[in-house]
Amino acid sequence: MANAKTWVEAHDNEKFGSGGTVENCKQCKTCLFRDGGTDYSNDYRKSSCAMFVYPDMKPIEVIRNTGECELYEQDENAD
């Protein structure tokens, strides 16, 4: 056991995952309700919006991009 490595030592220099960032709430980017109007929810990637007002949060499927938001409405002025 004297030569046993810790998990960190055994996996040193290994790369886990893609190394990139995941963009949360992709469908919210063009949603009419994306801005909650507070300092806590003024970005579409946040977990709150005008329909899910802080401290409430959007459904986890919406945040993780694995489901559609039933309250989504297209903003005609969105980028």
PDB file of N, CA and C in Angstrom:
ATOM      1  N   MET A   1       0.811  -1.204   0.000  1.00  0.00           N
ATOM      2  CA  MET A   1       0.000   0.000   0.000  1.00  0.00           C
ATOM      3  C   MET A   1       0.850   1.261   0.000  1.00  0.00           C
ATOM      4  N   ALA A   2       2.139   1.136   0.239  1.00  0.00           N
ATOM      5  CA  ALA A   2       2.998   2.315   0.293  1.00  0.00           C
ATOM      6  C   ALA A   2       3.033   3.046  -1.043  1.00  0.00           C
ATOM      7  N   ASN A   3       2.873   2.322  -2.150  1.00  0.00           N
ATOM      8  CA  ASN A   3       2.912   2.937  -3.473  1.00  0.00           C
ATOM      9  C   ASN A   3       1.529   3.289  -4.010  1.00  0.00           C
ATOM     10  N   ALA A   4       0.507   3.119  -3.227  1.00  0.00           N
ATOM     11  CA  ALA A   4      -0.860   3.392  -3.675  1.00  0.00           C
ATOM     12  C   ALA A   4      -1.037   4.891  -3.925  1.00  0.00           C
ATOM     13  N   LYS A   5      -1.651   5.198  -5.053  1.00  0.00           N
ATOM     14  CA  LYS A   5      -1.913   6.597  -5.404  1.00  0.00           C
ATOM     15  C   LYS A   5      -3.327   6.970  -4.995  1.00  0.00           C
ATOM     16  N   THR A   6      -3.497   8.238  -4.716  1.00  0.00           N
ATOM     17  CA  THR A   6      -4.844   8.739  -4.477  1.00  0.00           C
ATOM     18  C   THR A   6      -5.555   8.790  -5.825  1.00  0.00           C
ATOM     19  N   TRP A   7      -6.871   8.957  -5.804  1.00  0.00           N
ATOM     20  CA  TRP A   7      -7.628   9.052  -7.054  1.00  0.00           C
ATOM     21  C   TRP A   7      -7.122  10.219  -7.891  1.00  0.00           C
ATOM     22  N   VAL A   8      -6.880  11.352  -7.253  1.00  0.00           N
ATOM     23  CA  VAL A   8      -6.390  12.537  -7.959  1.00  0.00           C
ATOM     24  C   VAL A   8      -5.038  12.259  -8.608  1.00  0.00           C
ATOM     25  N   GLU A   9      -4.140  11.624  -7.893  1.00  0.00           N
ATOM     26  CA  GLU A   9      -2.823  11.289  -8.452  1.00  0.00           C
ATOM     27  C   GLU A   9      -2.950  10.304  -9.617  1.00  0.00           C
ATOM     28  N   ALA A  10      -3.816   9.320  -9.480  1.00  0.00           N
ATOM     29  CA  ALA A  10      -3.993   8.303 -10.521  1.00  0.00           C
ATOM     30  C   ALA A  10      -4.579   8.886 -11.803  1.00  0.00           C
ATOM     31  N   HIS A  11      -5.345   9.954 -11.696  1.00  0.00           N
ATOM     32  CA  HIS A  11      -6.010  10.544 -12.862  1.00  0.00           C
ATOM     33  C   HIS A  11      -5.430  11.900 -13.244  1.00  0.00           C
ATOM     34  N   ASP A  12      -4.285  12.214 -12.721  1.00  0.00           N
ATOM     35  CA  ASP A  12      -3.624  13.476 -13.042  1.00  0.00           C
ATOM     36  C   ASP A  12      -3.386  13.552 -14.549  1.00  0.00           C
ATOM     37  N   ASN A  13      -3.584  14.693 -15.134  1.00  0.00           N
ATOM     38  CA  ASN A  13      -3.404  14.977 -16.563  1.00  0.00           C
ATOM     39  C   ASN A  13      -4.501  14.402 -17.453  1.00  0.00           C
ATOM     40  N   GLU A  14      -5.529  13.773 -16.893  1.00  0.00           N
ATOM     41  CA  GLU A  14      -6.647  13.304 -17.704  1.00  0.00           C
ATOM     42  C   GLU A  14      -7.626  14.449 -17.906  1.00  0.00           C
ATOM     43  N   LYS A  15      -8.257  14.445 -19.058  1.00  0.00           N
ATOM     44  CA  LYS A  15      -9.241  15.474 -19.359  1.00  0.00           C
ATOM     45  C   LYS A  15     -10.623  14.847 -19.256  1.00  0.00           C
ATOM     46  N   PHE A  16     -11.487  15.433 -18.448  1.00  0.00           N
ATOM     47  CA  PHE A  16     -12.839  14.940 -18.274  1.00  0.00           C
ATOM     48  C   PHE A  16     -13.807  15.890 -18.951  1.00  0.00           C
ATOM     49  N   GLY A  17     -14.724  15.354 -19.730  1.00  0.00           N
ATOM     50  CA  GLY A  17     -15.712  16.181 -20.419  1.00  0.00           C
ATOM     51  C   GLY A  17     -15.099  16.899 -21.606  1.00  0.00           C
ATOM     52  N   SER A  18     -15.850  17.778 -22.179  1.00  0.00           N
ATOM     53  CA  SER A  18     -15.425  18.490 -23.378  1.00  0.00           C
ATOM     54  C   SER A  18     -14.548  19.693 -23.060  1.00  0.00           C
ATOM     55  N   GLY A  19     -14.564  20.129 -21.825  1.00  0.00           N
ATOM     56  CA  GLY A  19     -13.791  21.309 -21.448  1.00  0.00           C
ATOM     57  C   GLY A  19     -14.486  22.604 -21.823  1.00  0.00           C
ATOM     58  N   GLY A  20     -15.630  22.501 -22.514  1.00  0.00           N
ATOM     59  CA  GLY A  20     -16.375  23.685 -22.925  1.00  0.00           C
ATOM     60  C   GLY A  20     -17.425  24.059 -21.897  1.00  0.00           C
ATOM     61  N   THR A  21     -18.133  25.108 -22.201  1.00  0.00           N
ATOM     62  CA  THR A  21     -19.201  25.527 -21.320  1.00  0.00           C
ATOM     63  C   THR A  21     -20.537  25.135 -21.932  1.00  0.00           C
ATOM     64  N   VAL A  22     -21.493  24.874 -21.091  1.00  0.00           N
ATOM     65  CA  VAL A  22     -22.827  24.510 -21.538  1.00  0.00           C
ATOM     66  C   VAL A  22     -23.699  25.751 -21.451  1.00  0.00           C
ATOM     67  N   GLU A  23     -24.407  26.043 -22.523  1.00  0.00           N
ATOM     68  CA  GLU A  23     -25.303  27.188 -22.513  1.00  0.00           C
ATOM     69  C   GLU A  23     -26.668  26.741 -22.013  1.00  0.00           C
ATOM     70  N   ASN A  24     -27.054  27.201 -20.848  1.00  0.00           N
ATOM     71  CA  ASN A  24     -28.366  26.886 -20.297  1.00  0.00           C
ATOM     72  C   ASN A  24     -29.455  27.663 -21.027  1.00  0.00           C
ATOM     73  N   CYS A  25     -30.657  27.131 -20.984  1.00  0.00           N
ATOM     74  CA  CYS A  25     -31.873  27.840 -21.413  1.00  0.00           C
ATOM     75  C   CYS A  25     -31.811  28.354 -22.853  1.00  0.00           C
ATOM     76  N   LYS A  26     -31.337  27.542 -23.778  1.00  0.00           N
ATOM     77  CA  LYS A  26     -31.184  27.987 -25.173  1.00  0.00           C
ATOM     78  C   LYS A  26     -32.481  28.506 -25.767  1.00  0.00           C
ATOM     79  N   GLN A  27     -33.606  27.829 -25.487  1.00  0.00           N
ATOM     80  CA  GLN A  27     -34.861  28.274 -26.085  1.00  0.00           C
ATOM     81  C   GLN A  27     -35.311  29.626 -25.535  1.00  0.00           C
ATOM     82  N   CYS A  28     -34.819  30.000 -24.368  1.00  0.00           N
ATOM     83  CA  CYS A  28     -35.220  31.264 -23.753  1.00  0.00           C
ATOM     84  C   CYS A  28     -34.608  32.473 -24.463  1.00  0.00           C
ATOM     85  N   LYS A  29     -33.596  32.236 -25.262  1.00  0.00           N
ATOM     86  CA  LYS A  29     -32.895  33.333 -25.943  1.00  0.00           C
ATOM     87  C   LYS A  29     -33.845  34.171 -26.785  1.00  0.00           C
ATOM     88  N   THR A  30     -34.865  33.545 -27.348  1.00  0.00           N
ATOM     89  CA  THR A  30     -35.811  34.268 -28.206  1.00  0.00           C
ATOM     90  C   THR A  30     -37.205  34.371 -27.591  1.00  0.00           C
ATOM     91  N   CYS A  31     -37.314  34.110 -26.295  1.00  0.00           N
ATOM     92  CA  CYS A  31     -38.619  34.146 -25.633  1.00  0.00           C
ATOM     93  C   CYS A  31     -38.987  35.570 -25.206  1.00  0.00           C
ATOM     94  N   LEU A  32     -40.240  35.890 -25.364  1.00  0.00           N
ATOM     95  CA  LEU A  32     -40.766  37.190 -24.972  1.00  0.00           C
ATOM     96  C   LEU A  32     -40.597  37.450 -23.473  1.00  0.00           C
ATOM     97  N   PHE A  33     -40.588  36.393 -22.678  1.00  0.00           N
ATOM     98  CA  PHE A  33     -40.544  36.522 -21.215  1.00  0.00           C
ATOM     99  C   PHE A  33     -39.151  36.311 -20.629  1.00  0.00           C
ATOM    100  N   ARG A  34     -38.108  36.336 -21.449  1.00  0.00           N
ATOM    101  CA  ARG A  34     -36.763  35.985 -20.982  1.00  0.00           C
ATOM    102  C   ARG A  34     -36.228  36.908 -19.899  1.00  0.00           C
ATOM    103  N   ASP A  35     -36.629  38.162 -19.889  1.00  0.00           N
ATOM    104  CA  ASP A  35     -36.131  39.127 -18.910  1.00  0.00           C
ATOM    105  C   ASP A  35     -37.118  39.250 -17.768  1.00  0.00           C
ATOM    106  N   GLY A  36     -36.671  38.890 -16.574  1.00  0.00           N
ATOM    107  CA  GLY A  36     -37.531  38.988 -15.410  1.00  0.00           C
ATOM    108  C   GLY A  36     -37.581  40.372 -14.804  1.00  0.00           C
ATOM    109  N   GLY A  37     -36.715  41.270 -15.289  1.00  0.00           N
ATOM    110  CA  GLY A  37     -36.739  42.642 -14.816  1.00  0.00           C
ATOM    111  C   GLY A  37     -36.072  42.882 -13.480  1.00  0.00           C
ATOM    112  N   THR A  38     -35.314  41.910 -12.986  1.00  0.00           N
ATOM    113  CA  THR A  38     -34.592  42.116 -11.738  1.00  0.00           C
ATOM    114  C   THR A  38     -33.110  41.843 -11.977  1.00  0.00           C
ATOM    115  N   ASP A  39     -32.282  42.239 -11.028  1.00  0.00           N
ATOM    116  CA  ASP A  39     -30.849  41.975 -11.140  1.00  0.00           C
ATOM    117  C   ASP A  39     -30.557  40.484 -11.167  1.00  0.00           C
ATOM    118  N   TYR A  40     -31.480  39.689 -10.641  1.00  0.00           N
ATOM    119  CA  TYR A  40     -31.259  38.253 -10.557  1.00  0.00           C
ATOM    120  C   TYR A  40     -31.712  37.502 -11.802  1.00  0.00           C
ATOM    121  N   SER A  41     -32.497  38.130 -12.652  1.00  0.00           N
ATOM    122  CA  SER A  41     -33.047  37.392 -13.788  1.00  0.00           C
ATOM    123  C   SER A  41     -33.037  38.192 -15.083  1.00  0.00           C
ATOM    124  N   ASN A  42     -32.022  39.009 -15.298  1.00  0.00           N
ATOM    125  CA  ASN A  42     -32.005  39.842 -16.487  1.00  0.00           C
ATOM    126  C   ASN A  42     -31.233  39.222 -17.647  1.00  0.00           C
ATOM    127  N   ASP A  43     -30.904  37.967 -17.578  1.00  0.00           N
ATOM    128  CA  ASP A  43     -30.218  37.264 -18.648  1.00  0.00           C
ATOM    129  C   ASP A  43     -30.968  35.978 -18.942  1.00  0.00           C
ATOM    130  N   TYR A  44     -31.190  35.659 -20.207  1.00  0.00           N
ATOM    131  CA  TYR A  44     -31.993  34.485 -20.561  1.00  0.00           C
ATOM    132  C   TYR A  44     -31.407  33.174 -20.047  1.00  0.00           C
ATOM    133  N   ARG A  45     -30.104  33.128 -19.755  1.00  0.00           N
ATOM    134  CA  ARG A  45     -29.465  31.906 -19.259  1.00  0.00           C
ATOM    135  C   ARG A  45     -29.689  31.673 -17.773  1.00  0.00           C
ATOM    136  N   LYS A  46     -30.309  32.621 -17.109  1.00  0.00           N
ATOM    137  CA  LYS A  46     -30.597  32.485 -15.677  1.00  0.00           C
ATOM    138  C   LYS A  46     -31.795  31.567 -15.464  1.00  0.00           C
ATOM    139  N   SER A  47     -31.996  31.141 -14.246  1.00  0.00           N
ATOM    140  CA  SER A  47     -33.070  30.192 -13.955  1.00  0.00           C
ATOM    141  C   SER A  47     -34.422  30.857 -13.703  1.00  0.00           C
ATOM    142  N   SER A  48     -34.483  32.190 -13.716  1.00  0.00           N
ATOM    143  CA  SER A  48     -35.741  32.899 -13.524  1.00  0.00           C
ATOM    144  C   SER A  48     -36.028  33.789 -14.717  1.00  0.00           C
ATOM    145  N   CYS A  49     -37.295  34.125 -14.887  1.00  0.00           N
ATOM    146  CA  CYS A  49     -37.709  35.015 -15.975  1.00  0.00           C
ATOM    147  C   CYS A  49     -39.005  35.696 -15.559  1.00  0.00           C
ATOM    148  N   ALA A  50     -39.676  36.379 -16.477  1.00  0.00           N
ATOM    149  CA  ALA A  50     -40.917  37.080 -16.149  1.00  0.00           C
ATOM    150  C   ALA A  50     -42.042  36.118 -15.783  1.00  0.00           C
ATOM    151  N   MET A  51     -41.995  34.878 -16.272  1.00  0.00           N
ATOM    152  CA  MET A  51     -43.036  33.896 -15.958  1.00  0.00           C
ATOM    153  C   MET A  51     -42.668  33.027 -14.755  1.00  0.00           C
ATOM    154  N   PHE A  52     -41.395  32.852 -14.521  1.00  0.00           N
ATOM    155  CA  PHE A  52     -40.897  32.105 -13.360  1.00  0.00           C
ATOM    156  C   PHE A  52     -40.073  33.097 -12.545  1.00  0.00           C
ATOM    157  N   VAL A  53     -40.763  33.900 -11.764  1.00  0.00           N
ATOM    158  CA  VAL A  53     -40.168  35.041 -11.067  1.00  0.00           C
ATOM    159  C   VAL A  53     -39.330  34.569  -9.884  1.00  0.00           C
ATOM    160  N   TYR A  54     -38.115  35.135  -9.766  1.00  0.00           N
ATOM    161  CA  TYR A  54     -37.211  34.837  -8.660  1.00  0.00           C
ATOM    162  C   TYR A  54     -37.944  35.025  -7.340  1.00  0.00           C
ATOM    163  N   PRO A  55     -37.873  34.107  -6.420  1.00  0.00           N
ATOM    164  CA  PRO A  55     -36.959  32.983  -6.300  1.00  0.00           C
ATOM    165  C   PRO A  55     -37.450  31.682  -6.957  1.00  0.00           C
ATOM    166  N   ASP A  56     -38.621  31.702  -7.613  1.00  0.00           N
ATOM    167  CA  ASP A  56     -39.030  30.521  -8.378  1.00  0.00           C
ATOM    168  C   ASP A  56     -38.088  30.344  -9.551  1.00  0.00           C
ATOM    169  N   MET A  57     -38.069  29.141 -10.123  1.00  0.00           N
ATOM    170  CA  MET A  57     -37.185  28.933 -11.261  1.00  0.00           C
ATOM    171  C   MET A  57     -37.868  28.141 -12.364  1.00  0.00           C
ATOM    172  N   LYS A  58     -37.324  28.286 -13.551  1.00  0.00           N
ATOM    173  CA  LYS A  58     -37.825  27.581 -14.718  1.00  0.00           C
ATOM    174  C   LYS A  58     -37.734  26.074 -14.480  1.00  0.00           C
ATOM    175  N   PRO A  59     -38.536  25.293 -15.191  1.00  0.00           N
ATOM    176  CA  PRO A  59     -38.411  23.836 -15.071  1.00  0.00           C
ATOM    177  C   PRO A  59     -36.991  23.390 -15.432  1.00  0.00           C
ATOM    178  N   ILE A  60     -36.486  22.405 -14.729  1.00  0.00           N
ATOM    179  CA  ILE A  60     -35.110  21.955 -14.933  1.00  0.00           C
ATOM    180  C   ILE A  60     -34.880  21.491 -16.373  1.00  0.00           C
ATOM    181  N   GLU A  61     -35.912  20.953 -17.017  1.00  0.00           N
ATOM    182  CA  GLU A  61     -35.777  20.523 -18.413  1.00  0.00           C
ATOM    183  C   GLU A  61     -35.504  21.708 -19.329  1.00  0.00           C
ATOM    184  N   VAL A  62     -36.081  22.856 -19.022  1.00  0.00           N
ATOM    185  CA  VAL A  62     -35.844  24.068 -19.811  1.00  0.00           C
ATOM    186  C   VAL A  62     -34.416  24.558 -19.582  1.00  0.00           C
ATOM    187  N   ILE A  63     -34.003  24.567 -18.334  1.00  0.00           N
ATOM    188  CA  ILE A  63     -32.650  25.019 -18.002  1.00  0.00           C
ATOM    189  C   ILE A  63     -31.606  24.145 -18.685  1.00  0.00           C
ATOM    190  N   ARG A  64     -31.817  22.829 -18.654  1.00  0.00           N
ATOM    191  CA  ARG A  64     -30.840  21.878 -19.226  1.00  0.00           C
ATOM    192  C   ARG A  64     -31.033  21.614 -20.715  1.00  0.00           C
ATOM    193  N   ASN A  65     -31.985  22.287 -21.338  1.00  0.00           N
ATOM    194  CA  ASN A  65     -32.248  22.129 -22.777  1.00  0.00           C
ATOM    195  C   ASN A  65     -32.712  20.727 -23.144  1.00  0.00           C
ATOM    196  N   THR A  66     -33.441  20.072 -22.251  1.00  0.00           N
ATOM    197  CA  THR A  66     -33.929  18.728 -22.546  1.00  0.00           C
ATOM    198  C   THR A  66     -35.445  18.696 -22.711  1.00  0.00           C
ATOM    199  N   GLY A  67     -36.107  19.828 -22.580  1.00  0.00           N
ATOM    200  CA  GLY A  67     -37.554  19.895 -22.726  1.00  0.00           C
ATOM    201  C   GLY A  67     -37.983  21.280 -23.157  1.00  0.00           C
ATOM    202  N   GLU A  68     -39.203  21.365 -23.635  1.00  0.00           N
ATOM    203  CA  GLU A  68     -39.752  22.633 -24.100  1.00  0.00           C
ATOM    204  C   GLU A  68     -40.529  23.325 -22.976  1.00  0.00           C
ATOM    205  N   CYS A  69     -40.472  24.630 -22.959  1.00  0.00           N
ATOM    206  CA  CYS A  69     -41.220  25.408 -21.975  1.00  0.00           C
ATOM    207  C   CYS A  69     -42.639  25.604 -22.491  1.00  0.00           C
ATOM    208  N   GLU A  70     -43.612  25.276 -21.670  1.00  0.00           N
ATOM    209  CA  GLU A  70     -45.001  25.418 -22.088  1.00  0.00           C
ATOM    210  C   GLU A  70     -45.456  26.871 -22.125  1.00  0.00           C
ATOM    211  N   LEU A  71     -44.684  27.784 -21.552  1.00  0.00           N
ATOM    212  CA  LEU A  71     -45.037  29.206 -21.538  1.00  0.00           C
ATOM    213  C   LEU A  71     -44.274  30.028 -22.567  1.00  0.00           C
ATOM    214  N   TYR A  72     -43.438  29.378 -23.371  1.00  0.00           N
ATOM    215  CA  TYR A  72     -42.612  30.057 -24.366  1.00  0.00           C
ATOM    216  C   TYR A  72     -43.472  30.805 -25.384  1.00  0.00           C
ATOM    217  N   GLU A  73     -43.084  32.051 -25.650  1.00  0.00           N
ATOM    218  CA  GLU A  73     -43.678  32.840 -26.735  1.00  0.00           C
ATOM    219  C   GLU A  73     -42.541  33.521 -27.471  1.00  0.00           C
ATOM    220  N   GLN A  74     -42.542  33.409 -28.773  1.00  0.00           N
ATOM    221  CA  GLN A  74     -41.500  33.997 -29.623  1.00  0.00           C
ATOM    222  C   GLN A  74     -41.530  35.516 -29.523  1.00  0.00           C
ATOM    223  N   ASP A  75     -40.390  36.129 -29.263  1.00  0.00           N
ATOM    224  CA  ASP A  75     -40.249  37.578 -29.277  1.00  0.00           C
ATOM    225  C   ASP A  75     -39.850  37.970 -30.692  1.00  0.00           C
ATOM    226  N   GLU A  76     -40.677  38.714 -31.360  1.00  0.00           N
ATOM    227  CA  GLU A  76     -40.422  39.101 -32.754  1.00  0.00           C
ATOM    228  C   GLU A  76     -39.192  39.993 -32.885  1.00  0.00           C
ATOM    229  N   ASN A  77     -38.771  40.632 -31.790  1.00  0.00           N
ATOM    230  CA  ASN A  77     -37.610  41.518 -31.811  1.00  0.00           C
ATOM    231  C   ASN A  77     -36.324  40.849 -31.340  1.00  0.00           C
ATOM    232  N   ALA A  78     -36.383  39.561 -31.025  1.00  0.00           N
ATOM    233  CA  ALA A  78     -35.199  38.860 -30.513  1.00  0.00           C
ATOM    234  C   ALA A  78     -34.175  38.658 -31.615  1.00  0.00           C
ATOM    235  N   ASP A  79     -32.924  38.616 -31.220  1.00  0.00           N
ATOM    236  CA  ASP A  79     -31.814  38.425 -32.179  1.00  0.00           C
ATOM    237  C   ASP A  79     -31.915  37.096 -32.885  1.00  0.00           C
TER     238      ASP A  79
END
